[in-house]
Amino acid sequence: MRFNCNNMLPRDLTKDLKDRLNRIKGQVEGVIKMLDESDDPAQILNQFKAINKGFEKAQHLLLDEVFRKALAMKIAEALETCPGNCGQEEKIAIIRNQFPDLGLYELTDKMKEINKVYEFLLKEKNNMKEVSFAIENMVCQGCAEKITDILKEIKGVENVKTQAMKKLVNIKYSASVTDENELTTILTKAGYTPTKK
């Protein structure tokens, strides 16, 4: 998994990482000196363990920052791509709510999840279609509002614009979830007479 993190690291994280690496540098120099002066392998091994722990902590801090930032950006992109009835709102909301409490390894799992959601949303965006219907018996603003409410309840409908004066409704929908026939059938069952424009 690759991330494009062009943003610089926060100064406090950079300072913390440099301080840790300088301590590790001192520990490495100490081990070199111990190799020349000591014959106690247990002490040398303890120093190696301390150096490893220092590296692990520095790596963890860096990865946590990078993954957390990348995940936050991907959640924002998913929210922007799914402004409403996209079928992925619940998954996005769950990841967004879990975000502040995620550990490093959970971050990588959630990154995979949000990537799948985002890929689905992009695919759906490419499947979006628009259709316009003239509805002769849409005679007032109340009818226009009722038609809007009916259509917005249909899974896959993303946007509805009604124009009561022109007796026209424009519907943006996902062709992989619904189609013109279903839209026409639902409007007809509700008592309206849609004719495709």
N, C-alpha and C. Protein backbone atom coordinates (compact mmCIF):
# COMPACT_ATOMS: atom_id res chain seq x y z
N MET A 1 0.85 -1.17 0.00
CA MET A 1 0.00 0.00 0.00
C MET A 1 0.90 1.23 0.00
N ARG A 2 0.64 2.13 -0.96
CA ARG A 2 1.46 3.34 -1.04
C ARG A 2 0.62 4.54 -0.66
N PHE A 3 1.24 5.49 0.00
CA PHE A 3 0.55 6.72 0.38
C PHE A 3 1.33 7.89 -0.17
N ASN A 4 0.59 8.89 -0.60
CA ASN A 4 1.22 10.10 -1.08
C ASN A 4 1.11 11.14 0.02
N CYS A 5 2.12 11.23 0.83
CA CYS A 5 2.11 12.18 1.95
C CYS A 5 3.10 13.28 1.66
N ASN A 6 2.64 14.29 0.92
CA ASN A 6 3.52 15.39 0.56
C ASN A 6 3.68 16.39 1.70
N ASN A 7 2.80 16.32 2.68
CA ASN A 7 2.86 17.28 3.77
C ASN A 7 4.03 16.95 4.69
N MET A 8 4.66 17.97 5.19
CA MET A 8 5.78 17.78 6.11
C MET A 8 5.26 17.25 7.44
N LEU A 9 6.15 16.58 8.15
CA LEU A 9 5.79 16.08 9.48
C LEU A 9 5.69 17.25 10.44
N PRO A 10 4.84 17.12 11.45
CA PRO A 10 4.75 18.18 12.45
C PRO A 10 6.11 18.37 13.13
N ARG A 11 6.41 19.61 13.50
CA ARG A 11 7.71 19.93 14.11
C ARG A 11 7.96 19.16 15.39
N ASP A 12 6.93 19.02 16.23
CA ASP A 12 7.14 18.32 17.50
C ASP A 12 7.46 16.85 17.26
N LEU A 13 6.86 16.24 16.24
CA LEU A 13 7.17 14.84 15.93
C LEU A 13 8.60 14.74 15.39
N THR A 14 8.98 15.66 14.51
CA THR A 14 10.34 15.66 13.96
C THR A 14 11.36 15.80 15.07
N LYS A 15 11.11 16.73 16.01
CA LYS A 15 12.03 16.92 17.14
C LYS A 15 12.11 15.65 17.98
N ASP A 16 10.97 15.06 18.27
CA ASP A 16 10.94 13.84 19.08
C ASP A 16 11.73 12.72 18.39
N LEU A 17 11.52 12.55 17.08
CA LEU A 17 12.24 11.51 16.35
C LEU A 17 13.75 11.76 16.35
N LYS A 18 14.15 13.02 16.14
CA LYS A 18 15.59 13.34 16.16
C LYS A 18 16.19 13.07 17.53
N ASP A 19 15.47 13.46 18.59
CA ASP A 19 15.97 13.20 19.96
C ASP A 19 16.14 11.71 20.20
N ARG A 20 15.16 10.93 19.78
CA ARG A 20 15.24 9.48 19.96
C ARG A 20 16.42 8.89 19.18
N LEU A 21 16.59 9.35 17.93
CA LEU A 21 17.68 8.83 17.11
C LEU A 21 19.04 9.23 17.67
N ASN A 22 19.13 10.43 18.24
CA ASN A 22 20.39 10.84 18.88
C ASN A 22 20.69 9.97 20.10
N ARG A 23 19.65 9.63 20.88
CA ARG A 23 19.86 8.72 22.01
C ARG A 23 20.32 7.34 21.52
N ILE A 24 19.69 6.88 20.43
CA ILE A 24 20.07 5.58 19.86
C ILE A 24 21.52 5.64 19.37
N LYS A 25 21.88 6.76 18.76
CA LYS A 25 23.26 6.94 18.28
C LYS A 25 24.24 6.80 19.45
N GLY A 26 23.89 7.43 20.58
CA GLY A 26 24.74 7.33 21.78
C GLY A 26 24.81 5.90 22.28
N GLN A 27 23.67 5.19 22.23
CA GLN A 27 23.67 3.79 22.67
C GLN A 27 24.54 2.93 21.76
N VAL A 28 24.48 3.17 20.44
CA VAL A 28 25.29 2.40 19.49
C VAL A 28 26.78 2.66 19.76
N GLU A 29 27.12 3.93 19.98
CA GLU A 29 28.52 4.26 20.28
C GLU A 29 28.95 3.57 21.58
N GLY A 30 28.02 3.50 22.54
CA GLY A 30 28.32 2.82 23.80
C GLY A 30 28.55 1.33 23.59
N VAL A 31 27.77 0.71 22.72
CA VAL A 31 27.95 -0.72 22.44
C VAL A 31 29.30 -0.97 21.78
N ILE A 32 29.67 -0.09 20.85
CA ILE A 32 30.98 -0.22 20.19
C ILE A 32 32.09 -0.15 21.22
N LYS A 33 31.96 0.80 22.15
CA LYS A 33 32.96 0.94 23.21
C LYS A 33 32.98 -0.31 24.11
N MET A 34 31.77 -0.82 24.42
CA MET A 34 31.68 -2.03 25.26
C MET A 34 32.34 -3.22 24.58
N LEU A 35 32.20 -3.31 23.26
CA LEU A 35 32.81 -4.43 22.54
C LEU A 35 34.34 -4.39 22.67
N ASP A 36 34.87 -3.17 22.71
CA ASP A 36 36.33 -3.03 22.87
C ASP A 36 36.78 -3.27 24.30
N GLU A 37 35.93 -2.92 25.29
CA GLU A 37 36.38 -2.92 26.68
C GLU A 37 35.77 -4.01 27.55
N SER A 38 34.64 -4.60 27.15
CA SER A 38 33.94 -5.53 28.04
C SER A 38 33.90 -6.92 27.44
N ASP A 39 33.82 -7.88 28.31
CA ASP A 39 33.66 -9.25 27.83
C ASP A 39 32.37 -9.86 28.38
N ASP A 40 31.43 -8.98 28.81
CA ASP A 40 30.15 -9.43 29.37
C ASP A 40 29.07 -9.39 28.28
N PRO A 41 28.77 -10.53 27.64
CA PRO A 41 27.79 -10.56 26.56
C PRO A 41 26.38 -10.15 27.03
N ALA A 42 26.04 -10.39 28.30
CA ALA A 42 24.71 -10.03 28.80
C ALA A 42 24.49 -8.52 28.76
N GLN A 43 25.51 -7.75 29.15
CA GLN A 43 25.40 -6.29 29.11
C GLN A 43 25.27 -5.79 27.66
N ILE A 44 26.06 -6.38 26.79
CA ILE A 44 26.01 -5.99 25.37
C ILE A 44 24.64 -6.33 24.79
N LEU A 45 24.12 -7.50 25.12
CA LEU A 45 22.80 -7.91 24.64
C LEU A 45 21.72 -6.96 25.14
N ASN A 46 21.81 -6.55 26.40
CA ASN A 46 20.84 -5.59 26.95
C ASN A 46 20.86 -4.27 26.17
N GLN A 47 22.05 -3.84 25.80
CA GLN A 47 22.16 -2.60 25.02
C GLN A 47 21.54 -2.77 23.63
N PHE A 48 21.77 -3.95 23.00
CA PHE A 48 21.13 -4.22 21.71
C PHE A 48 19.60 -4.17 21.83
N LYS A 49 19.08 -4.75 22.91
CA LYS A 49 17.62 -4.73 23.14
C LYS A 49 17.12 -3.31 23.30
N ALA A 50 17.86 -2.50 24.05
CA ALA A 50 17.47 -1.09 24.25
C ALA A 50 17.48 -0.32 22.92
N ILE A 51 18.51 -0.59 22.11
CA ILE A 51 18.59 0.07 20.79
C ILE A 51 17.40 -0.35 19.92
N ASN A 52 17.10 -1.65 19.90
CA ASN A 52 15.95 -2.13 19.12
C ASN A 52 14.65 -1.48 19.57
N LYS A 53 14.44 -1.41 20.88
CA LYS A 53 13.22 -0.78 21.41
C LYS A 53 13.14 0.68 21.00
N GLY A 54 14.27 1.36 21.04
CA GLY A 54 14.30 2.76 20.62
C GLY A 54 13.92 2.93 19.15
N PHE A 55 14.48 2.06 18.30
CA PHE A 55 14.13 2.10 16.88
C PHE A 55 12.64 1.80 16.67
N GLU A 56 12.14 0.78 17.38
CA GLU A 56 10.73 0.40 17.24
C GLU A 56 9.81 1.56 17.62
N LYS A 57 10.13 2.23 18.71
CA LYS A 57 9.30 3.34 19.17
C LYS A 57 9.34 4.49 18.16
N ALA A 58 10.51 4.81 17.65
CA ALA A 58 10.62 5.88 16.65
C ALA A 58 9.85 5.52 15.39
N GLN A 59 9.98 4.27 14.96
CA GLN A 59 9.25 3.81 13.78
C GLN A 59 7.75 3.88 14.02
N HIS A 60 7.32 3.44 15.20
CA HIS A 60 5.91 3.46 15.54
C HIS A 60 5.35 4.89 15.50
N LEU A 61 6.08 5.83 16.07
CA LEU A 61 5.63 7.23 16.06
C LEU A 61 5.48 7.76 14.64
N LEU A 62 6.46 7.46 13.80
CA LEU A 62 6.42 7.93 12.42
C LEU A 62 5.28 7.28 11.65
N LEU A 63 5.16 5.96 11.75
CA LEU A 63 4.09 5.25 11.02
C LEU A 63 2.71 5.68 11.50
N ASP A 64 2.57 5.86 12.81
CA ASP A 64 1.28 6.29 13.34
C ASP A 64 0.88 7.63 12.72
N GLU A 65 1.82 8.56 12.65
CA GLU A 65 1.54 9.88 12.07
C GLU A 65 1.17 9.76 10.60
N VAL A 66 1.95 9.00 9.84
CA VAL A 66 1.73 8.87 8.40
C VAL A 66 0.40 8.16 8.12
N PHE A 67 0.18 7.02 8.77
CA PHE A 67 -1.06 6.28 8.54
C PHE A 67 -2.28 7.05 9.01
N ARG A 68 -2.18 7.70 10.17
CA ARG A 68 -3.33 8.44 10.69
C ARG A 68 -3.69 9.59 9.74
N LYS A 69 -2.67 10.29 9.24
CA LYS A 69 -2.92 11.40 8.32
C LYS A 69 -3.52 10.87 7.00
N ALA A 70 -2.96 9.77 6.49
CA ALA A 70 -3.46 9.19 5.24
C ALA A 70 -4.90 8.72 5.40
N LEU A 71 -5.20 8.09 6.53
CA LEU A 71 -6.57 7.62 6.78
C LEU A 71 -7.53 8.79 6.91
N ALA A 72 -7.13 9.83 7.60
CA ALA A 72 -7.99 11.01 7.75
C ALA A 72 -8.30 11.62 6.38
N MET A 73 -7.28 11.70 5.52
CA MET A 73 -7.50 12.25 4.18
C MET A 73 -8.44 11.37 3.37
N LYS A 74 -8.31 10.05 3.49
CA LYS A 74 -9.15 9.12 2.73
C LYS A 74 -10.59 9.16 3.25
N ILE A 75 -10.78 9.32 4.56
CA ILE A 75 -12.14 9.45 5.11
C ILE A 75 -12.78 10.72 4.56
N ALA A 76 -12.02 11.82 4.52
CA ALA A 76 -12.55 13.08 3.98
C ALA A 76 -12.93 12.93 2.51
N GLU A 77 -12.09 12.24 1.73
CA GLU A 77 -12.41 12.02 0.31
C GLU A 77 -13.67 11.18 0.15
N ALA A 78 -13.81 10.15 0.98
CA ALA A 78 -14.99 9.29 0.92
C ALA A 78 -16.25 10.07 1.28
N LEU A 79 -16.16 10.91 2.32
CA LEU A 79 -17.31 11.73 2.72
C LEU A 79 -17.70 12.71 1.60
N GLU A 80 -16.71 13.25 0.93
CA GLU A 80 -16.98 14.18 -0.16
C GLU A 80 -17.62 13.47 -1.35
N THR A 81 -17.20 12.24 -1.61
CA THR A 81 -17.72 11.47 -2.72
C THR A 81 -19.10 10.90 -2.40
N CYS A 82 -19.40 10.73 -1.13
CA CYS A 82 -20.69 10.17 -0.69
C CYS A 82 -21.45 11.20 0.14
N PRO A 83 -22.06 12.19 -0.51
CA PRO A 83 -22.75 13.22 0.25
C PRO A 83 -24.07 12.77 0.84
N GLY A 84 -24.59 11.62 0.39
CA GLY A 84 -25.89 11.21 0.91
C GLY A 84 -26.17 9.74 0.68
N ASN A 85 -27.05 9.46 -0.23
CA ASN A 85 -27.59 8.13 -0.44
C ASN A 85 -26.69 7.31 -1.37
N CYS A 86 -25.50 6.93 -0.89
CA CYS A 86 -24.55 6.20 -1.74
C CYS A 86 -24.43 4.73 -1.35
N GLY A 87 -25.04 4.34 -0.26
CA GLY A 87 -24.98 2.95 0.17
C GLY A 87 -23.77 2.62 1.03
N GLN A 88 -22.87 3.57 1.25
CA GLN A 88 -21.66 3.33 2.02
C GLN A 88 -21.58 4.23 3.26
N GLU A 89 -22.64 4.98 3.50
CA GLU A 89 -22.63 5.96 4.60
C GLU A 89 -22.32 5.32 5.95
N GLU A 90 -22.91 4.14 6.19
CA GLU A 90 -22.74 3.49 7.48
C GLU A 90 -21.29 3.05 7.70
N LYS A 91 -20.67 2.47 6.66
CA LYS A 91 -19.27 2.04 6.78
C LYS A 91 -18.36 3.24 7.04
N ILE A 92 -18.60 4.33 6.30
CA ILE A 92 -17.78 5.53 6.48
C ILE A 92 -17.96 6.08 7.89
N ALA A 93 -19.20 6.11 8.37
CA ALA A 93 -19.47 6.64 9.72
C ALA A 93 -18.78 5.80 10.79
N ILE A 94 -18.80 4.47 10.63
CA ILE A 94 -18.17 3.60 11.62
C ILE A 94 -16.67 3.87 11.68
N ILE A 95 -16.02 3.92 10.50
CA ILE A 95 -14.57 4.17 10.48
C ILE A 95 -14.27 5.55 11.04
N ARG A 96 -15.09 6.53 10.69
CA ARG A 96 -14.88 7.90 11.18
C ARG A 96 -15.00 7.96 12.70
N ASN A 97 -15.97 7.24 13.26
CA ASN A 97 -16.16 7.24 14.72
C ASN A 97 -15.04 6.49 15.44
N GLN A 98 -14.51 5.44 14.82
CA GLN A 98 -13.43 4.65 15.43
C GLN A 98 -12.09 5.36 15.32
N PHE A 99 -11.94 6.24 14.36
CA PHE A 99 -10.66 6.86 14.01
C PHE A 99 -9.82 7.35 15.19
N PRO A 100 -10.39 8.14 16.12
CA PRO A 100 -9.53 8.70 17.18
C PRO A 100 -8.89 7.64 18.08
N ASP A 101 -9.50 6.46 18.18
CA ASP A 101 -9.02 5.46 19.13
C ASP A 101 -8.25 4.31 18.47
N LEU A 102 -7.99 4.41 17.18
CA LEU A 102 -7.33 3.30 16.47
C LEU A 102 -5.85 3.22 16.82
N GLY A 103 -5.38 1.98 17.03
CA GLY A 103 -3.96 1.74 17.21
C GLY A 103 -3.28 1.61 15.85
N LEU A 104 -1.96 1.49 15.84
CA LEU A 104 -1.20 1.46 14.58
C LEU A 104 -1.67 0.34 13.66
N TYR A 105 -1.80 -0.86 14.17
CA TYR A 105 -2.17 -1.98 13.30
C TYR A 105 -3.64 -1.88 12.88
N GLU A 106 -4.47 -1.31 13.71
CA GLU A 106 -5.86 -1.07 13.32
C GLU A 106 -5.94 -0.02 12.22
N LEU A 107 -5.05 0.96 12.28
CA LEU A 107 -5.02 1.99 11.24
C LEU A 107 -4.82 1.38 9.85
N THR A 108 -3.91 0.41 9.76
CA THR A 108 -3.66 -0.20 8.46
C THR A 108 -4.88 -0.98 7.98
N ASP A 109 -5.55 -1.68 8.89
CA ASP A 109 -6.77 -2.41 8.52
C ASP A 109 -7.87 -1.46 8.06
N LYS A 110 -8.05 -0.37 8.80
CA LYS A 110 -9.09 0.60 8.44
C LYS A 110 -8.75 1.31 7.14
N MET A 111 -7.45 1.46 6.87
CA MET A 111 -7.04 2.07 5.60
C MET A 111 -7.46 1.18 4.45
N LYS A 112 -7.30 -0.13 4.61
CA LYS A 112 -7.74 -1.07 3.58
C LYS A 112 -9.25 -0.98 3.39
N GLU A 113 -9.98 -0.92 4.50
CA GLU A 113 -11.45 -0.83 4.43
C GLU A 113 -11.89 0.44 3.71
N ILE A 114 -11.33 1.58 4.10
CA ILE A 114 -11.78 2.84 3.50
C ILE A 114 -11.36 2.91 2.04
N ASN A 115 -10.24 2.28 1.68
CA ASN A 115 -9.84 2.21 0.26
C ASN A 115 -10.87 1.44 -0.56
N LYS A 116 -11.38 0.34 -0.01
CA LYS A 116 -12.42 -0.44 -0.70
C LYS A 116 -13.68 0.39 -0.87
N VAL A 117 -14.07 1.10 0.19
CA VAL A 117 -15.25 1.96 0.13
C VAL A 117 -15.05 3.04 -0.93
N TYR A 118 -13.89 3.67 -0.91
CA TYR A 118 -13.60 4.76 -1.86
C TYR A 118 -13.59 4.25 -3.30
N GLU A 119 -12.99 3.08 -3.53
CA GLU A 119 -12.99 2.49 -4.87
C GLU A 119 -14.41 2.21 -5.34
N PHE A 120 -15.25 1.68 -4.43
CA PHE A 120 -16.65 1.44 -4.75
C PHE A 120 -17.35 2.74 -5.12
N LEU A 121 -17.09 3.79 -4.34
CA LEU A 121 -17.73 5.08 -4.60
C LEU A 121 -17.31 5.65 -5.95
N LEU A 122 -16.03 5.52 -6.28
CA LEU A 122 -15.56 6.02 -7.58
C LEU A 122 -16.21 5.24 -8.72
N LYS A 123 -16.33 3.93 -8.54
CA LYS A 123 -16.99 3.10 -9.55
C LYS A 123 -18.45 3.53 -9.68
N GLU A 124 -19.11 3.74 -8.55
CA GLU A 124 -20.51 4.18 -8.57
C GLU A 124 -20.65 5.54 -9.24
N LYS A 125 -19.69 6.42 -8.97
CA LYS A 125 -19.73 7.75 -9.57
C LYS A 125 -19.72 7.64 -11.10
N ASN A 126 -18.97 6.67 -11.61
CA ASN A 126 -18.93 6.45 -13.05
C ASN A 126 -20.22 5.81 -13.57
N ASN A 127 -21.00 5.18 -12.67
CA ASN A 127 -22.28 4.56 -13.06
C ASN A 127 -23.46 5.52 -12.91
N MET A 128 -23.20 6.76 -12.53
CA MET A 128 -24.29 7.71 -12.32
C MET A 128 -24.94 8.10 -13.66
N LYS A 129 -26.25 8.12 -13.67
CA LYS A 129 -27.02 8.50 -14.85
C LYS A 129 -28.02 9.57 -14.44
N GLU A 130 -28.52 10.28 -15.42
CA GLU A 130 -29.56 11.28 -15.18
C GLU A 130 -30.70 11.04 -16.14
N VAL A 131 -31.89 11.26 -15.66
CA VAL A 131 -33.08 11.14 -16.50
C VAL A 131 -34.05 12.25 -16.11
N SER A 132 -34.78 12.74 -17.08
CA SER A 132 -35.81 13.76 -16.82
C SER A 132 -37.16 13.21 -17.24
N PHE A 133 -38.16 13.45 -16.40
CA PHE A 133 -39.52 13.05 -16.71
C PHE A 133 -40.42 14.28 -16.67
N ALA A 134 -41.31 14.36 -17.66
CA ALA A 134 -42.41 15.32 -17.59
C ALA A 134 -43.51 14.62 -16.80
N ILE A 135 -44.12 15.33 -15.88
CA ILE A 135 -45.20 14.76 -15.07
C ILE A 135 -46.38 15.73 -15.16
N GLU A 136 -47.30 15.41 -16.04
CA GLU A 136 -48.42 16.32 -16.32
C GLU A 136 -49.31 16.57 -15.11
N ASN A 137 -49.46 15.57 -14.24
CA ASN A 137 -50.34 15.79 -13.08
C ASN A 137 -49.58 16.27 -11.84
N MET A 138 -48.39 16.86 -12.05
CA MET A 138 -47.69 17.57 -10.97
C MET A 138 -48.15 19.02 -11.10
N VAL A 139 -49.14 19.38 -10.30
CA VAL A 139 -49.82 20.66 -10.51
C VAL A 139 -49.46 21.75 -9.50
N CYS A 140 -48.73 21.37 -8.45
CA CYS A 140 -48.40 22.38 -7.45
C CYS A 140 -47.08 22.05 -6.76
N GLN A 141 -46.61 22.96 -5.93
CA GLN A 141 -45.35 22.76 -5.20
C GLN A 141 -45.47 21.59 -4.23
N GLY A 142 -46.67 21.36 -3.68
CA GLY A 142 -46.88 20.22 -2.78
C GLY A 142 -46.64 18.90 -3.50
N CYS A 143 -47.13 18.81 -4.77
CA CYS A 143 -46.88 17.61 -5.58
C CYS A 143 -45.38 17.45 -5.83
N ALA A 144 -44.71 18.54 -6.15
CA ALA A 144 -43.27 18.51 -6.42
C ALA A 144 -42.51 18.01 -5.19
N GLU A 145 -42.89 18.48 -4.00
CA GLU A 145 -42.23 18.04 -2.77
C GLU A 145 -42.49 16.57 -2.49
N LYS A 146 -43.75 16.12 -2.76
CA LYS A 146 -44.10 14.71 -2.54
C LYS A 146 -43.29 13.82 -3.50
N ILE A 147 -43.18 14.22 -4.75
CA ILE A 147 -42.41 13.46 -5.74
C ILE A 147 -40.94 13.39 -5.32
N THR A 148 -40.40 14.52 -4.86
CA THR A 148 -39.01 14.54 -4.39
C THR A 148 -38.83 13.56 -3.23
N ASP A 149 -39.73 13.58 -2.27
CA ASP A 149 -39.64 12.67 -1.12
C ASP A 149 -39.72 11.21 -1.55
N ILE A 150 -40.63 10.89 -2.46
CA ILE A 150 -40.79 9.51 -2.95
C ILE A 150 -39.50 9.05 -3.62
N LEU A 151 -38.96 9.88 -4.49
CA LEU A 151 -37.77 9.49 -5.25
C LEU A 151 -36.53 9.38 -4.37
N LYS A 152 -36.40 10.25 -3.38
CA LYS A 152 -35.23 10.21 -2.51
C LYS A 152 -35.20 8.96 -1.62
N GLU A 153 -36.34 8.31 -1.47
CA GLU A 153 -36.41 7.07 -0.69
C GLU A 153 -35.89 5.87 -1.47
N ILE A 154 -35.75 6.00 -2.77
CA ILE A 154 -35.31 4.89 -3.61
C ILE A 154 -33.80 4.73 -3.48
N LYS A 155 -33.37 3.52 -3.16
CA LYS A 155 -31.94 3.23 -3.03
C LYS A 155 -31.26 3.49 -4.38
N GLY A 156 -30.19 4.25 -4.34
CA GLY A 156 -29.44 4.55 -5.56
C GLY A 156 -29.73 5.93 -6.12
N VAL A 157 -30.81 6.57 -5.67
CA VAL A 157 -31.12 7.93 -6.14
C VAL A 157 -30.26 8.90 -5.34
N GLU A 158 -29.48 9.69 -6.05
CA GLU A 158 -28.56 10.61 -5.38
C GLU A 158 -29.13 12.03 -5.30
N ASN A 159 -29.83 12.45 -6.34
CA ASN A 159 -30.30 13.83 -6.36
C ASN A 159 -31.61 13.91 -7.15
N VAL A 160 -32.51 14.77 -6.67
CA VAL A 160 -33.79 14.98 -7.34
C VAL A 160 -34.04 16.48 -7.41
N LYS A 161 -34.38 16.96 -8.61
CA LYS A 161 -34.76 18.37 -8.78
C LYS A 161 -36.11 18.41 -9.47
N THR A 162 -37.07 19.01 -8.79
CA THR A 162 -38.41 19.15 -9.39
C THR A 162 -38.66 20.60 -9.73
N GLN A 163 -39.37 20.80 -10.81
CA GLN A 163 -39.78 22.14 -11.25
C GLN A 163 -41.28 22.09 -11.49
N ALA A 164 -42.04 22.47 -10.48
CA ALA A 164 -43.50 22.36 -10.54
C ALA A 164 -44.08 23.17 -11.70
N MET A 165 -43.57 24.37 -11.93
CA MET A 165 -44.11 25.22 -12.99
C MET A 165 -43.92 24.58 -14.37
N LYS A 166 -42.82 23.88 -14.56
CA LYS A 166 -42.53 23.23 -15.85
C LYS A 166 -43.03 21.79 -15.88
N LYS A 167 -43.55 21.30 -14.72
CA LYS A 167 -44.02 19.92 -14.59
C LYS A 167 -42.92 18.94 -14.99
N LEU A 168 -41.73 19.17 -14.39
CA LEU A 168 -40.53 18.42 -14.77
C LEU A 168 -39.78 17.95 -13.52
N VAL A 169 -39.25 16.74 -13.60
CA VAL A 169 -38.40 16.23 -12.53
C VAL A 169 -37.13 15.67 -13.17
N ASN A 170 -35.98 16.03 -12.58
CA ASN A 170 -34.69 15.52 -13.04
C ASN A 170 -34.13 14.66 -11.92
N ILE A 171 -33.70 13.44 -12.27
CA ILE A 171 -33.24 12.48 -11.26
C ILE A 171 -31.83 12.02 -11.61
N LYS A 172 -30.94 12.08 -10.63
CA LYS A 172 -29.59 11.54 -10.78
C LYS A 172 -29.54 10.27 -9.94
N TYR A 173 -29.15 9.16 -10.58
CA TYR A 173 -29.20 7.87 -9.88
C TYR A 173 -28.05 6.97 -10.32
N SER A 174 -27.81 5.94 -9.50
CA SER A 174 -26.78 4.94 -9.79
C SER A 174 -27.41 3.84 -10.63
N ALA A 175 -26.91 3.65 -11.84
CA ALA A 175 -27.44 2.64 -12.74
C ALA A 175 -27.18 1.22 -12.25
N SER A 176 -26.24 1.05 -11.32
CA SER A 176 -25.98 -0.29 -10.79
C SER A 176 -26.94 -0.64 -9.65
N VAL A 177 -27.72 0.34 -9.19
CA VAL A 177 -28.64 0.09 -8.07
C VAL A 177 -30.10 0.17 -8.52
N THR A 178 -30.42 1.09 -9.38
CA THR A 178 -31.80 1.26 -9.86
C THR A 178 -31.77 1.61 -11.34
N ASP A 179 -32.93 1.75 -11.95
CA ASP A 179 -32.98 2.09 -13.37
C ASP A 179 -34.24 2.91 -13.66
N GLU A 180 -34.36 3.38 -14.89
CA GLU A 180 -35.50 4.23 -15.29
C GLU A 180 -36.83 3.50 -15.10
N ASN A 181 -36.85 2.20 -15.39
CA ASN A 181 -38.11 1.44 -15.24
C ASN A 181 -38.60 1.45 -13.80
N GLU A 182 -37.67 1.24 -12.85
CA GLU A 182 -38.06 1.25 -11.44
C GLU A 182 -38.55 2.64 -11.03
N LEU A 183 -37.87 3.68 -11.48
CA LEU A 183 -38.28 5.05 -11.16
C LEU A 183 -39.68 5.33 -11.70
N THR A 184 -39.92 4.92 -12.96
CA THR A 184 -41.23 5.13 -13.58
C THR A 184 -42.31 4.35 -12.84
N THR A 185 -42.02 3.09 -12.50
CA THR A 185 -43.00 2.24 -11.80
C THR A 185 -43.38 2.85 -10.45
N ILE A 186 -42.39 3.29 -9.70
CA ILE A 186 -42.67 3.86 -8.37
C ILE A 186 -43.49 5.14 -8.48
N LEU A 187 -43.14 6.01 -9.43
CA LEU A 187 -43.92 7.24 -9.62
C LEU A 187 -45.35 6.91 -10.06
N THR A 188 -45.51 5.93 -10.93
CA THR A 188 -46.85 5.54 -11.41
C THR A 188 -47.68 4.98 -10.26
N LYS A 189 -47.07 4.12 -9.42
CA LYS A 189 -47.79 3.56 -8.27
C LYS A 189 -48.21 4.65 -7.29
N ALA A 190 -47.46 5.75 -7.26
CA ALA A 190 -47.79 6.86 -6.36
C ALA A 190 -48.87 7.77 -6.97
N GLY A 191 -49.32 7.45 -8.20
CA GLY A 191 -50.40 8.22 -8.81
C GLY A 191 -49.97 9.28 -9.81
N TYR A 192 -48.72 9.26 -10.20
CA TYR A 192 -48.21 10.26 -11.14
C TYR A 192 -48.01 9.62 -12.53
N THR A 193 -47.93 10.46 -13.56
CA THR A 193 -47.80 9.94 -14.93
C THR A 193 -46.51 10.46 -15.56
N PRO A 194 -45.39 9.78 -15.26
CA PRO A 194 -44.11 10.24 -15.81
C PRO A 194 -43.93 9.86 -17.29
N THR A 195 -43.41 10.81 -18.04
CA THR A 195 -43.06 10.58 -19.44
C THR A 195 -41.63 11.05 -19.63
N LYS A 196 -40.80 10.14 -20.17
CA LYS A 196 -39.39 10.49 -20.32
C LYS A 196 -39.21 11.63 -21.31
N LYS A 197 -38.35 12.57 -20.95
CA LYS A 197 -38.03 13.73 -21.80
C LYS A 197 -36.82 13.45 -22.62
